[in-house]
Amino acid sequence: MTTSDYILNGALILSIIRQLRGRRLEGLSLYLPLGIVAYVCTKYLRSVPTGGHSLTLVACAAGAGLALGVLCGVYTHVYRGANGSPFARATGIAAGLWILGVGARLGFSLYAEHGGGPAIVRFSQAHELSMQSWIAALILMSLSEVVSRTLVLIVRARRLGGGAGGAIITQS
């Protein structure tokens, strides 16, 4: 992993930690995680392998990301501030789920780079997985986690009623 990879993972974790106090649901607090995973997708995701059991690995990882993202969104308090703007305050459970997802991907990368590589290669050969399938699985897990959390928060904010709910979609 490069220094920029560590910074991007740190920024993803910081984005949820900052919400523990409650943040207005707009701009950076809402869209920064989307920007980070979009950048990672364009930098690393070249293809989604379908041979062997690669598609199963990718689908399972994306499904895990989806579950973590939806649960993170559900366990985040969404409420109207004094001025009617939607706010989000992550609970400990939401932060823990978010950190679990980021930490699992980070842990896998560290394991692969620091002694676990041969074991991953043997496992991949035994299960007909390409190395690109691991990359695609981890990136799509991250993408589905971030997108699903963001969508859950947007839907929950819009359900609060009032005129400001639609503003979270148009502001940047």
N, C-alpha and C. Protein backbone atom coordinates (compact mmCIF):
# COMPACT_ATOMS: atom_id res chain seq x y z
N MET A 1 0.84 -1.18 0.00
CA MET A 1 0.00 0.00 0.00
C MET A 1 0.88 1.24 0.00
N THR A 2 0.44 2.23 -0.72
CA THR A 2 1.18 3.48 -0.79
C THR A 2 0.70 4.44 0.30
N THR A 3 1.44 5.51 0.47
CA THR A 3 1.06 6.52 1.45
C THR A 3 -0.32 7.09 1.11
N SER A 4 -0.59 7.30 -0.16
CA SER A 4 -1.90 7.84 -0.54
C SER A 4 -3.03 6.85 -0.20
N ASP A 5 -2.76 5.55 -0.28
CA ASP A 5 -3.77 4.55 0.10
C ASP A 5 -4.09 4.65 1.59
N TYR A 6 -3.06 4.83 2.41
CA TYR A 6 -3.28 5.01 3.85
C TYR A 6 -4.07 6.29 4.13
N ILE A 7 -3.74 7.34 3.41
CA ILE A 7 -4.44 8.63 3.59
C ILE A 7 -5.91 8.49 3.20
N LEU A 8 -6.19 7.81 2.09
CA LEU A 8 -7.58 7.63 1.65
C LEU A 8 -8.37 6.80 2.67
N ASN A 9 -7.77 5.74 3.20
CA ASN A 9 -8.45 4.95 4.22
C ASN A 9 -8.66 5.76 5.48
N GLY A 10 -7.67 6.55 5.86
CA GLY A 10 -7.81 7.42 7.02
C GLY A 10 -8.92 8.44 6.83
N ALA A 11 -9.03 8.99 5.61
CA ALA A 11 -10.08 9.97 5.32
C ALA A 11 -11.47 9.32 5.41
N LEU A 12 -11.59 8.06 4.97
CA LEU A 12 -12.87 7.37 5.09
C LEU A 12 -13.25 7.17 6.56
N ILE A 13 -12.28 6.78 7.38
CA ILE A 13 -12.56 6.61 8.81
C ILE A 13 -12.87 7.95 9.45
N LEU A 14 -12.11 8.98 9.11
CA LEU A 14 -12.35 10.31 9.68
C LEU A 14 -13.73 10.84 9.31
N SER A 15 -14.22 10.50 8.12
CA SER A 15 -15.53 11.00 7.70
C SER A 15 -16.64 10.53 8.63
N ILE A 16 -16.53 9.33 9.18
CA ILE A 16 -17.56 8.86 10.10
C ILE A 16 -17.28 9.34 11.52
N ILE A 17 -16.02 9.44 11.89
CA ILE A 17 -15.67 9.92 13.23
C ILE A 17 -16.17 11.36 13.40
N ARG A 18 -16.04 12.16 12.35
CA ARG A 18 -16.51 13.55 12.41
C ARG A 18 -18.02 13.62 12.62
N GLN A 19 -18.74 12.59 12.18
CA GLN A 19 -20.20 12.60 12.32
C GLN A 19 -20.67 12.16 13.70
N LEU A 20 -19.76 11.74 14.56
CA LEU A 20 -20.17 11.33 15.91
C LEU A 20 -20.80 12.49 16.69
N ARG A 21 -20.39 13.71 16.39
CA ARG A 21 -20.96 14.89 17.05
C ARG A 21 -22.22 15.39 16.37
N GLY A 22 -22.44 15.00 15.18
CA GLY A 22 -23.56 15.49 14.39
C GLY A 22 -23.08 16.53 13.40
N ARG A 23 -23.36 16.32 12.17
CA ARG A 23 -22.96 17.22 11.09
C ARG A 23 -24.14 17.47 10.17
N ARG A 24 -24.14 18.65 9.59
CA ARG A 24 -25.13 18.95 8.58
C ARG A 24 -24.95 17.98 7.43
N LEU A 25 -26.04 17.44 6.94
CA LEU A 25 -25.99 16.39 5.92
C LEU A 25 -25.94 17.02 4.53
N GLU A 26 -24.76 17.50 4.18
CA GLU A 26 -24.54 18.11 2.88
C GLU A 26 -23.05 18.21 2.63
N GLY A 27 -22.69 18.64 1.46
CA GLY A 27 -21.30 18.92 1.13
C GLY A 27 -20.36 17.78 1.47
N LEU A 28 -19.23 18.16 2.09
CA LEU A 28 -18.19 17.18 2.39
C LEU A 28 -18.66 16.04 3.27
N SER A 29 -19.48 16.33 4.26
CA SER A 29 -19.90 15.25 5.16
C SER A 29 -20.69 14.17 4.43
N LEU A 30 -21.33 14.52 3.35
CA LEU A 30 -22.13 13.56 2.60
C LEU A 30 -21.37 13.01 1.39
N TYR A 31 -20.66 13.87 0.68
CA TYR A 31 -20.09 13.48 -0.60
C TYR A 31 -18.61 13.12 -0.59
N LEU A 32 -17.87 13.44 0.46
CA LEU A 32 -16.44 13.10 0.50
C LEU A 32 -16.20 11.60 0.37
N PRO A 33 -16.92 10.75 1.13
CA PRO A 33 -16.68 9.32 0.95
C PRO A 33 -16.97 8.84 -0.48
N LEU A 34 -17.99 9.41 -1.12
CA LEU A 34 -18.28 9.05 -2.51
C LEU A 34 -17.13 9.45 -3.43
N GLY A 35 -16.57 10.62 -3.20
CA GLY A 35 -15.44 11.08 -4.00
C GLY A 35 -14.22 10.18 -3.83
N ILE A 36 -13.99 9.75 -2.60
CA ILE A 36 -12.84 8.89 -2.33
C ILE A 36 -12.98 7.56 -3.07
N VAL A 37 -14.13 6.91 -2.95
CA VAL A 37 -14.28 5.61 -3.61
C VAL A 37 -14.34 5.77 -5.13
N ALA A 38 -14.86 6.87 -5.62
CA ALA A 38 -14.84 7.10 -7.07
C ALA A 38 -13.40 7.20 -7.56
N TYR A 39 -12.57 7.91 -6.81
CA TYR A 39 -11.15 8.03 -7.17
C TYR A 39 -10.48 6.66 -7.15
N VAL A 40 -10.72 5.89 -6.10
CA VAL A 40 -10.11 4.56 -5.98
C VAL A 40 -10.57 3.67 -7.13
N CYS A 41 -11.84 3.74 -7.48
CA CYS A 41 -12.35 2.94 -8.61
C CYS A 41 -11.62 3.28 -9.90
N THR A 42 -11.45 4.57 -10.17
CA THR A 42 -10.78 4.95 -11.41
C THR A 42 -9.30 4.61 -11.39
N LYS A 43 -8.70 4.58 -10.21
CA LYS A 43 -7.27 4.31 -10.10
C LYS A 43 -6.96 2.81 -10.18
N TYR A 44 -7.78 1.96 -9.56
CA TYR A 44 -7.43 0.55 -9.41
C TYR A 44 -8.34 -0.44 -10.14
N LEU A 45 -9.59 -0.11 -10.34
CA LEU A 45 -10.54 -1.09 -10.89
C LEU A 45 -10.44 -1.11 -12.42
N ARG A 46 -9.86 -2.17 -12.95
CA ARG A 46 -9.69 -2.30 -14.39
C ARG A 46 -10.76 -3.18 -15.01
N SER A 47 -11.17 -4.18 -14.27
CA SER A 47 -12.19 -5.11 -14.77
C SER A 47 -12.77 -5.88 -13.59
N VAL A 48 -13.88 -6.54 -13.85
CA VAL A 48 -14.47 -7.44 -12.87
C VAL A 48 -14.40 -8.83 -13.47
N PRO A 49 -13.43 -9.64 -13.02
CA PRO A 49 -13.27 -10.97 -13.59
C PRO A 49 -14.49 -11.85 -13.34
N THR A 50 -14.78 -12.68 -14.30
CA THR A 50 -15.95 -13.57 -14.18
C THR A 50 -15.55 -15.03 -14.23
N GLY A 51 -14.28 -15.34 -14.49
CA GLY A 51 -13.84 -16.72 -14.60
C GLY A 51 -13.70 -17.40 -13.25
N GLY A 52 -13.78 -18.72 -13.28
CA GLY A 52 -13.64 -19.49 -12.04
C GLY A 52 -14.69 -19.07 -11.02
N HIS A 53 -14.24 -18.83 -9.81
CA HIS A 53 -15.15 -18.41 -8.74
C HIS A 53 -15.01 -16.92 -8.44
N SER A 54 -14.39 -16.19 -9.36
CA SER A 54 -14.14 -14.76 -9.14
C SER A 54 -15.43 -13.97 -8.96
N LEU A 55 -16.41 -14.25 -9.77
CA LEU A 55 -17.67 -13.51 -9.67
C LEU A 55 -18.35 -13.75 -8.32
N THR A 56 -18.22 -14.96 -7.79
CA THR A 56 -18.79 -15.25 -6.47
C THR A 56 -18.09 -14.44 -5.40
N LEU A 57 -16.76 -14.37 -5.47
CA LEU A 57 -16.00 -13.57 -4.51
C LEU A 57 -16.40 -12.10 -4.58
N VAL A 58 -16.49 -11.57 -5.79
CA VAL A 58 -16.85 -10.16 -5.98
C VAL A 58 -18.26 -9.91 -5.47
N ALA A 59 -19.19 -10.78 -5.78
CA ALA A 59 -20.58 -10.61 -5.33
C ALA A 59 -20.69 -10.68 -3.81
N CYS A 60 -19.96 -11.59 -3.20
CA CYS A 60 -20.00 -11.70 -1.73
C CYS A 60 -19.41 -10.46 -1.07
N ALA A 61 -18.31 -9.96 -1.61
CA ALA A 61 -17.69 -8.76 -1.05
C ALA A 61 -18.61 -7.55 -1.23
N ALA A 62 -19.19 -7.41 -2.42
CA ALA A 62 -20.11 -6.29 -2.66
C ALA A 62 -21.34 -6.41 -1.76
N GLY A 63 -21.81 -7.63 -1.55
CA GLY A 63 -22.95 -7.85 -0.65
C GLY A 63 -22.61 -7.49 0.79
N ALA A 64 -21.40 -7.84 1.21
CA ALA A 64 -20.96 -7.47 2.57
C ALA A 64 -20.89 -5.96 2.70
N GLY A 65 -20.36 -5.29 1.68
CA GLY A 65 -20.30 -3.83 1.71
C GLY A 65 -21.69 -3.21 1.74
N LEU A 66 -22.60 -3.78 0.97
CA LEU A 66 -23.98 -3.30 0.96
C LEU A 66 -24.61 -3.43 2.35
N ALA A 67 -24.43 -4.58 2.97
CA ALA A 67 -24.99 -4.80 4.31
C ALA A 67 -24.39 -3.83 5.32
N LEU A 68 -23.07 -3.66 5.29
CA LEU A 68 -22.42 -2.73 6.22
C LEU A 68 -22.90 -1.29 5.99
N GLY A 69 -23.01 -0.89 4.73
CA GLY A 69 -23.44 0.47 4.42
C GLY A 69 -24.88 0.75 4.83
N VAL A 70 -25.77 -0.19 4.55
CA VAL A 70 -27.18 -0.02 4.94
C VAL A 70 -27.29 0.04 6.46
N LEU A 71 -26.63 -0.88 7.15
CA LEU A 71 -26.68 -0.88 8.62
C LEU A 71 -26.08 0.39 9.20
N CYS A 72 -25.00 0.86 8.61
CA CYS A 72 -24.38 2.10 9.07
C CYS A 72 -25.36 3.27 8.90
N GLY A 73 -26.05 3.31 7.77
CA GLY A 73 -27.04 4.36 7.55
C GLY A 73 -28.22 4.26 8.49
N VAL A 74 -28.65 3.04 8.78
CA VAL A 74 -29.78 2.82 9.69
C VAL A 74 -29.41 3.23 11.12
N TYR A 75 -28.19 2.95 11.53
CA TYR A 75 -27.76 3.27 12.89
C TYR A 75 -27.17 4.68 13.03
N THR A 76 -27.41 5.53 12.06
CA THR A 76 -27.04 6.93 12.13
C THR A 76 -28.32 7.73 12.40
N HIS A 77 -28.28 8.58 13.40
CA HIS A 77 -29.44 9.42 13.69
C HIS A 77 -29.53 10.52 12.65
N VAL A 78 -30.68 10.66 12.02
CA VAL A 78 -30.93 11.72 11.04
C VAL A 78 -32.05 12.58 11.60
N TYR A 79 -31.79 13.87 11.69
CA TYR A 79 -32.76 14.78 12.32
C TYR A 79 -32.64 16.17 11.70
N ARG A 80 -33.63 17.00 11.97
CA ARG A 80 -33.62 18.39 11.50
C ARG A 80 -32.97 19.27 12.55
N GLY A 81 -32.10 20.14 12.09
CA GLY A 81 -31.49 21.12 12.97
C GLY A 81 -32.47 22.26 13.23
N ALA A 82 -32.03 23.23 14.02
CA ALA A 82 -32.88 24.36 14.38
C ALA A 82 -33.34 25.14 13.15
N ASN A 83 -32.51 25.19 12.11
CA ASN A 83 -32.87 25.93 10.90
C ASN A 83 -33.60 25.06 9.88
N GLY A 84 -33.92 23.82 10.23
CA GLY A 84 -34.65 22.93 9.33
C GLY A 84 -33.77 22.08 8.43
N SER A 85 -32.46 22.30 8.45
CA SER A 85 -31.55 21.51 7.62
C SER A 85 -31.37 20.12 8.21
N PRO A 86 -31.22 19.13 7.35
CA PRO A 86 -31.00 17.77 7.86
C PRO A 86 -29.59 17.62 8.44
N PHE A 87 -29.52 16.93 9.57
CA PHE A 87 -28.26 16.63 10.23
C PHE A 87 -28.15 15.13 10.40
N ALA A 88 -26.94 14.63 10.50
CA ALA A 88 -26.70 13.22 10.78
C ALA A 88 -25.70 13.12 11.92
N ARG A 89 -26.00 12.22 12.84
CA ARG A 89 -25.07 11.95 13.94
C ARG A 89 -24.89 10.44 14.02
N ALA A 90 -23.67 10.03 13.74
CA ALA A 90 -23.36 8.60 13.76
C ALA A 90 -23.36 8.09 15.20
N THR A 91 -23.93 6.94 15.40
CA THR A 91 -23.88 6.29 16.71
C THR A 91 -22.59 5.47 16.79
N GLY A 92 -22.30 4.95 17.94
CA GLY A 92 -21.15 4.08 18.09
C GLY A 92 -21.25 2.84 17.21
N ILE A 93 -22.47 2.33 17.07
CA ILE A 93 -22.68 1.15 16.22
C ILE A 93 -22.38 1.50 14.77
N ALA A 94 -22.87 2.65 14.31
CA ALA A 94 -22.62 3.07 12.92
C ALA A 94 -21.12 3.24 12.68
N ALA A 95 -20.45 3.91 13.61
CA ALA A 95 -19.00 4.12 13.46
C ALA A 95 -18.27 2.78 13.49
N GLY A 96 -18.69 1.89 14.37
CA GLY A 96 -18.05 0.58 14.44
C GLY A 96 -18.22 -0.22 13.16
N LEU A 97 -19.41 -0.18 12.57
CA LEU A 97 -19.65 -0.89 11.31
C LEU A 97 -18.81 -0.30 10.18
N TRP A 98 -18.73 1.02 10.13
CA TRP A 98 -17.95 1.70 9.10
C TRP A 98 -16.48 1.33 9.24
N ILE A 99 -15.97 1.39 10.47
CA ILE A 99 -14.56 1.07 10.72
C ILE A 99 -14.30 -0.41 10.45
N LEU A 100 -15.27 -1.27 10.74
CA LEU A 100 -15.14 -2.69 10.44
C LEU A 100 -14.91 -2.90 8.94
N GLY A 101 -15.71 -2.23 8.11
CA GLY A 101 -15.56 -2.37 6.66
C GLY A 101 -14.22 -1.86 6.17
N VAL A 102 -13.86 -0.64 6.57
CA VAL A 102 -12.58 -0.07 6.14
C VAL A 102 -11.43 -0.90 6.72
N GLY A 103 -11.55 -1.27 7.99
CA GLY A 103 -10.49 -2.04 8.65
C GLY A 103 -10.29 -3.42 8.04
N ALA A 104 -11.38 -4.07 7.62
CA ALA A 104 -11.26 -5.39 7.00
C ALA A 104 -10.48 -5.29 5.69
N ARG A 105 -10.80 -4.28 4.89
CA ARG A 105 -10.07 -4.11 3.63
C ARG A 105 -8.61 -3.74 3.88
N LEU A 106 -8.38 -2.86 4.82
CA LEU A 106 -7.02 -2.46 5.16
C LEU A 106 -6.24 -3.65 5.73
N GLY A 107 -6.88 -4.40 6.62
CA GLY A 107 -6.23 -5.57 7.20
C GLY A 107 -5.86 -6.62 6.15
N PHE A 108 -6.75 -6.85 5.20
CA PHE A 108 -6.45 -7.80 4.13
C PHE A 108 -5.24 -7.34 3.33
N SER A 109 -5.21 -6.04 3.00
CA SER A 109 -4.07 -5.50 2.24
C SER A 109 -2.76 -5.64 3.01
N LEU A 110 -2.80 -5.33 4.28
CA LEU A 110 -1.59 -5.46 5.10
C LEU A 110 -1.16 -6.91 5.21
N TYR A 111 -2.11 -7.82 5.39
CA TYR A 111 -1.80 -9.24 5.45
C TYR A 111 -1.16 -9.71 4.14
N ALA A 112 -1.72 -9.27 3.02
CA ALA A 112 -1.20 -9.68 1.71
C ALA A 112 0.23 -9.19 1.51
N GLU A 113 0.53 -8.00 2.00
CA GLU A 113 1.86 -7.41 1.80
C GLU A 113 2.90 -7.87 2.82
N HIS A 114 2.46 -8.35 3.95
CA HIS A 114 3.40 -8.67 5.03
C HIS A 114 3.33 -10.13 5.45
N GLY A 115 3.51 -11.01 4.49
CA GLY A 115 3.64 -12.43 4.80
C GLY A 115 2.47 -13.30 4.37
N GLY A 116 1.32 -12.73 4.11
CA GLY A 116 0.16 -13.53 3.75
C GLY A 116 0.01 -13.77 2.26
N GLY A 117 0.83 -13.12 1.47
CA GLY A 117 0.73 -13.24 0.01
C GLY A 117 0.74 -14.67 -0.50
N PRO A 118 1.70 -15.51 -0.06
CA PRO A 118 1.72 -16.89 -0.55
C PRO A 118 0.45 -17.68 -0.19
N ALA A 119 -0.08 -17.45 0.99
CA ALA A 119 -1.32 -18.13 1.39
C ALA A 119 -2.49 -17.69 0.51
N ILE A 120 -2.54 -16.40 0.18
CA ILE A 120 -3.59 -15.88 -0.68
C ILE A 120 -3.45 -16.48 -2.09
N VAL A 121 -2.22 -16.58 -2.56
CA VAL A 121 -1.98 -17.17 -3.89
C VAL A 121 -2.44 -18.63 -3.91
N ARG A 122 -2.09 -19.41 -2.88
CA ARG A 122 -2.51 -20.82 -2.82
C ARG A 122 -4.04 -20.93 -2.78
N PHE A 123 -4.67 -20.10 -1.95
CA PHE A 123 -6.12 -20.10 -1.85
C PHE A 123 -6.74 -19.74 -3.21
N SER A 124 -6.17 -18.73 -3.84
CA SER A 124 -6.69 -18.27 -5.14
C SER A 124 -6.57 -19.36 -6.20
N GLN A 125 -5.44 -20.06 -6.21
CA GLN A 125 -5.26 -21.14 -7.18
C GLN A 125 -6.24 -22.28 -6.92
N ALA A 126 -6.42 -22.63 -5.65
CA ALA A 126 -7.32 -23.72 -5.30
C ALA A 126 -8.78 -23.41 -5.63
N HIS A 127 -9.13 -22.12 -5.63
CA HIS A 127 -10.52 -21.72 -5.87
C HIS A 127 -10.72 -20.97 -7.18
N GLU A 128 -9.74 -21.07 -8.05
CA GLU A 128 -9.81 -20.45 -9.38
C GLU A 128 -10.14 -18.97 -9.32
N LEU A 129 -9.36 -18.25 -8.51
CA LEU A 129 -9.52 -16.80 -8.37
C LEU A 129 -8.31 -16.09 -8.96
N SER A 130 -8.55 -15.05 -9.71
CA SER A 130 -7.44 -14.25 -10.22
C SER A 130 -7.11 -13.16 -9.20
N MET A 131 -5.93 -12.63 -9.31
CA MET A 131 -5.55 -11.53 -8.40
C MET A 131 -6.44 -10.30 -8.64
N GLN A 132 -6.83 -10.09 -9.90
CA GLN A 132 -7.72 -8.96 -10.21
C GLN A 132 -9.07 -9.13 -9.51
N SER A 133 -9.48 -10.38 -9.27
CA SER A 133 -10.76 -10.58 -8.59
C SER A 133 -10.71 -10.09 -7.15
N TRP A 134 -9.55 -10.22 -6.49
CA TRP A 134 -9.41 -9.70 -5.13
C TRP A 134 -9.49 -8.17 -5.13
N ILE A 135 -8.83 -7.57 -6.11
CA ILE A 135 -8.87 -6.11 -6.22
C ILE A 135 -10.30 -5.64 -6.47
N ALA A 136 -10.96 -6.27 -7.43
CA ALA A 136 -12.34 -5.89 -7.75
C ALA A 136 -13.25 -6.10 -6.55
N ALA A 137 -13.07 -7.22 -5.83
CA ALA A 137 -13.92 -7.52 -4.68
C ALA A 137 -13.77 -6.44 -3.60
N LEU A 138 -12.55 -6.08 -3.27
CA LEU A 138 -12.32 -5.09 -2.21
C LEU A 138 -12.82 -3.70 -2.61
N ILE A 139 -12.60 -3.34 -3.86
CA ILE A 139 -13.04 -2.02 -4.31
C ILE A 139 -14.57 -1.96 -4.39
N LEU A 140 -15.20 -3.00 -4.93
CA LEU A 140 -16.66 -2.99 -5.02
C LEU A 140 -17.31 -3.13 -3.65
N MET A 141 -16.63 -3.76 -2.71
CA MET A 141 -17.12 -3.78 -1.33
C MET A 141 -17.16 -2.36 -0.78
N SER A 142 -16.07 -1.63 -1.00
CA SER A 142 -16.00 -0.24 -0.54
C SER A 142 -17.04 0.62 -1.23
N LEU A 143 -17.16 0.47 -2.53
CA LEU A 143 -18.13 1.27 -3.29
C LEU A 143 -19.55 1.00 -2.83
N SER A 144 -19.91 -0.27 -2.66
CA SER A 144 -21.29 -0.57 -2.25
C SER A 144 -21.55 -0.11 -0.82
N GLU A 145 -20.54 -0.16 0.05
CA GLU A 145 -20.71 0.32 1.42
C GLU A 145 -20.98 1.82 1.44
N VAL A 146 -20.17 2.58 0.72
CA VAL A 146 -20.30 4.03 0.73
C VAL A 146 -21.59 4.48 0.04
N VAL A 147 -21.89 3.91 -1.12
CA VAL A 147 -23.08 4.32 -1.86
C VAL A 147 -24.35 3.96 -1.09
N SER A 148 -24.40 2.77 -0.51
CA SER A 148 -25.61 2.38 0.21
C SER A 148 -25.81 3.23 1.46
N ARG A 149 -24.76 3.54 2.19
CA ARG A 149 -24.88 4.41 3.37
C ARG A 149 -25.38 5.79 2.96
N THR A 150 -24.79 6.33 1.90
CA THR A 150 -25.19 7.65 1.43
C THR A 150 -26.66 7.67 1.02
N LEU A 151 -27.08 6.66 0.27
CA LEU A 151 -28.48 6.60 -0.16
C LEU A 151 -29.43 6.46 1.02
N VAL A 152 -29.08 5.64 1.99
CA VAL A 152 -29.93 5.49 3.18
C VAL A 152 -30.06 6.84 3.90
N LEU A 153 -28.96 7.56 4.05
CA LEU A 153 -29.02 8.86 4.73
C LEU A 153 -29.85 9.87 3.94
N ILE A 154 -29.72 9.87 2.62
CA ILE A 154 -30.50 10.80 1.80
C ILE A 154 -31.99 10.47 1.91
N VAL A 155 -32.34 9.21 1.81
CA VAL A 155 -33.75 8.81 1.92
C VAL A 155 -34.29 9.17 3.29
N ARG A 156 -33.54 8.90 4.33
CA ARG A 156 -34.00 9.20 5.68
C ARG A 156 -34.16 10.71 5.88
N ALA A 157 -33.27 11.50 5.32
CA ALA A 157 -33.37 12.96 5.44
C ALA A 157 -34.59 13.48 4.69
N ARG A 158 -34.87 12.93 3.54
CA ARG A 158 -36.04 13.37 2.77
C ARG A 158 -37.34 13.00 3.46
N ARG A 159 -37.35 11.91 4.20
CA ARG A 159 -38.55 11.48 4.91
C ARG A 159 -38.84 12.35 6.12
N LEU A 160 -37.90 13.17 6.52
CA LEU A 160 -38.14 14.06 7.65
C LEU A 160 -39.19 15.12 7.33
N GLY A 161 -39.40 15.36 6.05
CA GLY A 161 -40.36 16.39 5.64
C GLY A 161 -39.73 17.76 5.67
N GLY A 162 -40.49 18.74 5.30
CA GLY A 162 -39.95 20.10 5.25
C GLY A 162 -39.30 20.35 3.91
N GLY A 163 -39.03 21.59 3.64
CA GLY A 163 -38.51 21.98 2.34
C GLY A 163 -37.03 21.75 2.16
N ALA A 164 -36.26 21.61 3.21
CA ALA A 164 -34.80 21.52 3.06
C ALA A 164 -34.33 20.12 2.72
N GLY A 165 -35.18 19.10 2.77
CA GLY A 165 -34.75 17.73 2.53
C GLY A 165 -34.16 17.53 1.16
N GLY A 166 -34.72 18.18 0.14
CA GLY A 166 -34.18 18.03 -1.21
C GLY A 166 -32.88 18.76 -1.40
N ALA A 167 -32.55 19.69 -0.50
CA ALA A 167 -31.33 20.48 -0.65
C ALA A 167 -30.08 19.62 -0.52
N ILE A 168 -30.16 18.51 0.20
CA ILE A 168 -28.96 17.70 0.36
C ILE A 168 -28.51 17.06 -0.94
N ILE A 169 -29.42 16.94 -1.88
CA ILE A 169 -29.05 16.32 -3.15
C ILE A 169 -28.42 17.34 -4.08
N THR A 170 -28.83 18.59 -4.02
CA THR A 170 -28.35 19.57 -4.97
C THR A 170 -27.15 20.37 -4.50
N GLN A 171 -26.89 20.42 -3.21
CA GLN A 171 -25.74 21.18 -2.73
C GLN A 171 -24.49 20.36 -2.85
N SER A 172 -23.35 21.05 -3.02
CA SER A 172 -22.08 20.32 -3.09
C SER A 172 -21.07 20.92 -2.18
